[in-house]
Structure formats: structure tokens, C-alpha cells
Amino acid sequence: MAMYIDEYNGDADGLCAVVQCRLHEPQAAQGDKLLVCDLSMRRNRHPLMRLLEAGVSVRYFDHHKVDDIPAHPLLDAHIDVASDTCTKLLEPFIDAFSATQWRDAPCVPGDS
């Protein structure tokens, strides 16, 4: 049985990003998949690597500073640490947000 886990920061940026992603891309594929939105990869590297090594496919969207992004075939990372961005402004969220009521949700650029 496939398991889908969405992990996100508890602020409006992370919550809106994960909700929008699920509205835009409902899951119906096989295998364990993890969506991470607005959680520091730097602070969560160890659990991320454990999940990847266990065979979990991870899509990671974030704007927090990271030392390096691990190269792994199961990791699809979208990280932008520019001081004027937030997770919901990362691709693929721009088009998805602009078409919904979530487009006006708050964005907190540069939170840490």
C-alpha cells in the first residue's frame, strides 16, 4: 500500500504550499512519497538522508539556507534562498497559486 506524507512548517507559507500542491497534484502513484514544504534542509538533513536511503521518494520545496543539497536519485529538491522569496513563490507553486483563492495567502520571505 502506498503511503503519502506531507511535511511542512506550521506557518502560513508552509501550510499554503502543501495544501496547494495537493490540490494541484493529487497522489495516485505506487510507492512511498514524501512532500516537504518550508522546512530547513540544513536542520533536517539526517532524517532526510535516512528516508532517502530507505527508498522514500522526496520532493523538497524550501527557501531556508542550506549548506549543500544531497545528490540522490530519489530527491527532487527545489531550494531558493533569496532573501525576497518564500516557499509558495517557488515553482511549481506560482502557476498553481495564481489560479486559486490561495494566491493572496501571506508570504514570509526570509524567515529562518
C-alpha atoms as a PDB file:
ATOM      1  CA  MET A   1       0.000   0.000   0.000  1.00  0.00           C
ATOM      2  CA  ALA A   2       1.381   3.411  -0.987  1.00  0.00           C
ATOM      3  CA  MET A   3       1.833   5.970   1.753  1.00  0.00           C
ATOM      4  CA  TYR A   4       1.857   9.725   1.135  1.00  0.00           C
ATOM      5  CA  ILE A   5       3.290  12.003   3.765  1.00  0.00           C
ATOM      6  CA  ASP A   6       3.268  15.795   3.560  1.00  0.00           C
ATOM      7  CA  GLU A   7       5.633  17.568   5.931  1.00  0.00           C
ATOM      8  CA  TYR A   8       5.680  21.332   6.285  1.00  0.00           C
ATOM      9  CA  ASN A   9       6.472  24.243   8.557  1.00  0.00           C
ATOM     10  CA  GLY A  10       3.441  25.225  10.619  1.00  0.00           C
ATOM     11  CA  ASP A  11       3.318  28.811   9.375  1.00  0.00           C
ATOM     12  CA  ALA A  12       1.115  30.124   6.570  1.00  0.00           C
ATOM     13  CA  ASP A  13       3.858  29.730   3.950  1.00  0.00           C
ATOM     14  CA  GLY A  14       4.412  26.018   4.538  1.00  0.00           C
ATOM     15  CA  LEU A  15       0.754  25.214   5.107  1.00  0.00           C
ATOM     16  CA  CYS A  16      -0.438  27.028   1.985  1.00  0.00           C
ATOM     17  CA  ALA A  17       2.304  25.472  -0.127  1.00  0.00           C
ATOM     18  CA  VAL A  18       1.457  21.895   0.837  1.00  0.00           C
ATOM     19  CA  VAL A  19      -2.307  22.420   0.535  1.00  0.00           C
ATOM     20  CA  GLN A  20      -1.884  23.988  -2.886  1.00  0.00           C
ATOM     21  CA  CYS A  21       0.397  21.180  -4.050  1.00  0.00           C
ATOM     22  CA  ARG A  22      -2.141  18.544  -3.003  1.00  0.00           C
ATOM     23  CA  LEU A  23      -4.999  20.420  -4.712  1.00  0.00           C
ATOM     24  CA  HIS A  24      -2.919  20.755  -7.872  1.00  0.00           C
ATOM     25  CA  GLU A  25      -1.386  17.262  -7.820  1.00  0.00           C
ATOM     26  CA  PRO A  26      -3.425  14.599  -6.009  1.00  0.00           C
ATOM     27  CA  GLN A  27      -1.448  11.395  -5.450  1.00  0.00           C
ATOM     28  CA  ALA A  28      -2.332   8.097  -7.101  1.00  0.00           C
ATOM     29  CA  ALA A  29       1.104   6.528  -7.779  1.00  0.00           C
ATOM     30  CA  GLN A  30       2.680   3.465  -6.155  1.00  0.00           C
ATOM     31  CA  GLY A  31       5.426   3.676  -3.523  1.00  0.00           C
ATOM     32  CA  ASP A  32       6.163   5.835  -0.510  1.00  0.00           C
ATOM     33  CA  LYS A  33       6.444   9.533  -1.279  1.00  0.00           C
ATOM     34  CA  LEU A  34       7.172  12.492   0.952  1.00  0.00           C
ATOM     35  CA  LEU A  35       6.416  16.116   0.159  1.00  0.00           C
ATOM     36  CA  VAL A  36       8.360  18.604   2.284  1.00  0.00           C
ATOM     37  CA  CYS A  37       7.461  22.299   2.186  1.00  0.00           C
ATOM     38  CA  ASP A  38       9.144  25.114   4.095  1.00  0.00           C
ATOM     39  CA  LEU A  39      11.352  23.028   6.403  1.00  0.00           C
ATOM     40  CA  SER A  40      15.049  23.747   6.645  1.00  0.00           C
ATOM     41  CA  MET A  41      17.028  21.051   4.842  1.00  0.00           C
ATOM     42  CA  ARG A  42      20.065  22.052   6.880  1.00  0.00           C
ATOM     43  CA  ARG A  43      18.277  21.240  10.139  1.00  0.00           C
ATOM     44  CA  ASN A  44      16.598  18.108   8.768  1.00  0.00           C
ATOM     45  CA  ARG A  45      19.387  16.574   6.692  1.00  0.00           C
ATOM     46  CA  HIS A  46      19.865  13.475   8.866  1.00  0.00           C
ATOM     47  CA  PRO A  47      16.210  12.353   8.752  1.00  0.00           C
ATOM     48  CA  LEU A  48      16.061  13.254   5.048  1.00  0.00           C
ATOM     49  CA  MET A  49      19.026  11.003   4.285  1.00  0.00           C
ATOM     50  CA  ARG A  50      17.521   8.159   6.360  1.00  0.00           C
ATOM     51  CA  LEU A  51      14.292   8.383   4.351  1.00  0.00           C
ATOM     52  CA  LEU A  52      16.102   8.500   1.007  1.00  0.00           C
ATOM     53  CA  GLU A  53      18.264   5.506   1.922  1.00  0.00           C
ATOM     54  CA  ALA A  54      15.099   3.641   2.955  1.00  0.00           C
ATOM     55  CA  GLY A  55      13.717   4.140  -0.555  1.00  0.00           C
ATOM     56  CA  VAL A  56      11.317   7.015   0.071  1.00  0.00           C
ATOM     57  CA  SER A  57      10.920   9.447  -2.829  1.00  0.00           C
ATOM     58  CA  VAL A  58      11.143  13.041  -1.532  1.00  0.00           C
ATOM     59  CA  ARG A  59      10.010  16.297  -3.180  1.00  0.00           C
ATOM     60  CA  TYR A  60      11.514  19.161  -1.172  1.00  0.00           C
ATOM     61  CA  PHE A  61      10.494  22.823  -1.540  1.00  0.00           C
ATOM     62  CA  ASP A  62      12.139  25.409   0.694  1.00  0.00           C
ATOM     63  CA  HIS A  63      13.705  28.857   0.947  1.00  0.00           C
ATOM     64  CA  HIS A  64      15.876  28.436   4.055  1.00  0.00           C
ATOM     65  CA  LYS A  65      19.672  28.488   3.886  1.00  0.00           C
ATOM     66  CA  VAL A  66      21.252  25.115   3.156  1.00  0.00           C
ATOM     67  CA  ASP A  67      24.945  24.185   3.065  1.00  0.00           C
ATOM     68  CA  ASP A  68      24.593  21.663   0.265  1.00  0.00           C
ATOM     69  CA  ILE A  69      21.777  19.721  -1.329  1.00  0.00           C
ATOM     70  CA  PRO A  70      22.390  15.968  -1.323  1.00  0.00           C
ATOM     71  CA  ALA A  71      22.649  14.313  -4.716  1.00  0.00           C
ATOM     72  CA  HIS A  72      20.275  11.358  -4.592  1.00  0.00           C
ATOM     73  CA  PRO A  73      18.106   9.812  -7.329  1.00  0.00           C
ATOM     74  CA  LEU A  74      15.035   9.873  -5.064  1.00  0.00           C
ATOM     75  CA  LEU A  75      15.387  13.553  -4.139  1.00  0.00           C
ATOM     76  CA  ASP A  76      13.641  16.254  -6.175  1.00  0.00           C
ATOM     77  CA  ALA A  77      14.785  19.457  -4.432  1.00  0.00           C
ATOM     78  CA  HIS A  78      13.627  22.985  -5.220  1.00  0.00           C
ATOM     79  CA  ILE A  79      15.537  25.357  -2.946  1.00  0.00           C
ATOM     80  CA  ASP A  80      15.791  29.131  -3.395  1.00  0.00           C
ATOM     81  CA  VAL A  81      17.470  31.015  -0.551  1.00  0.00           C
ATOM     82  CA  ALA A  82      16.986  34.506  -1.997  1.00  0.00           C
ATOM     83  CA  SER A  83      16.009  36.959   0.722  1.00  0.00           C
ATOM     84  CA  ASP A  84      12.905  38.080  -1.189  1.00  0.00           C
ATOM     85  CA  THR A  85      11.261  34.682  -1.658  1.00  0.00           C
ATOM     86  CA  CYS A  86       9.186  32.194   0.278  1.00  0.00           C
ATOM     87  CA  THR A  87       8.167  28.607  -0.387  1.00  0.00           C
ATOM     88  CA  LYS A  88       4.892  29.437  -2.123  1.00  0.00           C
ATOM     89  CA  LEU A  89       6.820  31.546  -4.673  1.00  0.00           C
ATOM     90  CA  LEU A  90       8.869  28.554  -5.832  1.00  0.00           C
ATOM     91  CA  GLU A  91       7.986  26.595  -8.951  1.00  0.00           C
ATOM     92  CA  PRO A  92       5.586  24.803  -9.404  1.00  0.00           C
ATOM     93  CA  PHE A  93       3.567  26.883  -6.949  1.00  0.00           C
ATOM     94  CA  ILE A  94       3.456  30.160  -8.909  1.00  0.00           C
ATOM     95  CA  ASP A  95       1.023  28.954 -11.582  1.00  0.00           C
ATOM     96  CA  ALA A  96      -0.963  26.830  -9.150  1.00  0.00           C
ATOM     97  CA  PHE A  97      -1.359  29.669  -6.624  1.00  0.00           C
ATOM     98  CA  SER A  98      -2.284  32.266  -9.226  1.00  0.00           C
ATOM     99  CA  ALA A  99      -5.317  30.203 -10.251  1.00  0.00           C
ATOM    100  CA  THR A 100      -6.808  29.769  -6.767  1.00  0.00           C
ATOM    101  CA  GLN A 101      -8.020  31.588  -3.679  1.00  0.00           C
ATOM    102  CA  TRP A 102      -4.635  30.779  -2.074  1.00  0.00           C
ATOM    103  CA  ARG A 103      -2.792  33.342  -4.234  1.00  0.00           C
ATOM    104  CA  ASP A 104      -3.357  36.068  -1.613  1.00  0.00           C
ATOM    105  CA  ALA A 105      -2.182  33.975   1.333  1.00  0.00           C
ATOM    106  CA  PRO A 106       0.662  35.566   3.277  1.00  0.00           C
ATOM    107  CA  CYS A 107       4.254  35.036   2.237  1.00  0.00           C
ATOM    108  CA  VAL A 108       7.086  35.460   4.720  1.00  0.00           C
ATOM    109  CA  PRO A 109      10.275  35.988   2.725  1.00  0.00           C
ATOM    110  CA  GLY A 110      13.499  35.225   4.511  1.00  0.00           C
ATOM    111  CA  ASP A 111      12.061  33.606   7.639  1.00  0.00           C
ATOM    112  CA  SER A 112      14.587  31.341   9.311  1.00  0.00           C
END
